Every structure is written in structure tokens, then in C-alpha cells.
């Protein structure tokens, strides 16, 4: 039975803090956009291993099934030590499961989805190369990387950029005719 799509963006939130700058950024940018939010910290996701020997409580495949139901995936992460958060990195490492059997068919089903990035940090600008793993991962899975928005806590909230970003997310979430 085919999985029923949900025409809402799926936010994959990768911060250790439930009410930190990243969560505030998500709330501000997507205030008028209905969406589904998952906090990676609420799920048990084992580290990637070559034999694919994961504990029964490992939720990675459940999260992938959620991704497959949504046309838009928004990765939301703080900038930690010039990179994505550790919990987001662990999730990205686990995407390796989707390029190998037995889960390769799931990875192929990501094709055509739209990927976005929201990031929050304290530096004036995000680190050089920060966006690369998100863009390249989307490209690898034949997803359309639609762009990013970074907010530094040292600057006022970018209201106009956030409005345009949210509109773009909304457009990509609409069913195609």
C-alpha cells in the first residue's frame, strides 16, 4: 500500500536545547506555515555501523519513513564548532544506511524532494563550507536543494529574508498537478 503524502514541510530539528536559538528561528520563520516538527533529541538514533546492527529502539528508519511522506525537508541546526550539531551529524551519518542494501530503495525514494537549511549561530556569518554537507547530500539523493537561511544572534532577525524563505518552503510543499 503506497504511503499517503503529507503536504506539509517536515522540520528535522537538531539542537540539544528545546528552546534555544534554533527553535526560535524555526518558530519565527515558519510562524504562518503549517508544518511537522521532529526533534532529533527525542529519538534514539544509534551511530552508523557497517554491519547495520542497530538496537531495536533505534528510530532512524521511522524518521526516514516520515521524510518520505513529506515533499519538503527543512534541516534546522545550530552551528556548533563551525559545523552542524552532533545530533544532526549523527543523523546525516546514518543516511549511509540508505545507500546500501537492504535500505537502498528507501534512499531512492528521496529523489524529487525539496531540501532547505535553517541555521542559527553566534558568529557574524556562518563558517565557510557549512552548507556543503546539506547541499551535497541533497544532490546525492537527487533531492532539490532549495537554499538556506542563517541567523546570527548578533544581528536583528532578518524579517524580509525569513518571509521569502517561508514562502519558498510553502510553494515547494504544494502538491504538483
Foldseek 3Di string as FASTA:
>chain_A
DDDAADLAEEEEEEDPDPPDPLVVLCCQLCVPGDHHYDYLVVADADADDDVPDDDPRHCLVVVLVVLLRFQEYEYTAEQDPLEGDPSVVRSLRVCVCCVDPPNVVSLLSNAAGEYEYEYEYADPDRHPPHCVSVCVSCVVSNYHYDYYDYDHPVDPDPNVVSNVVNVVSSVSSDDDD
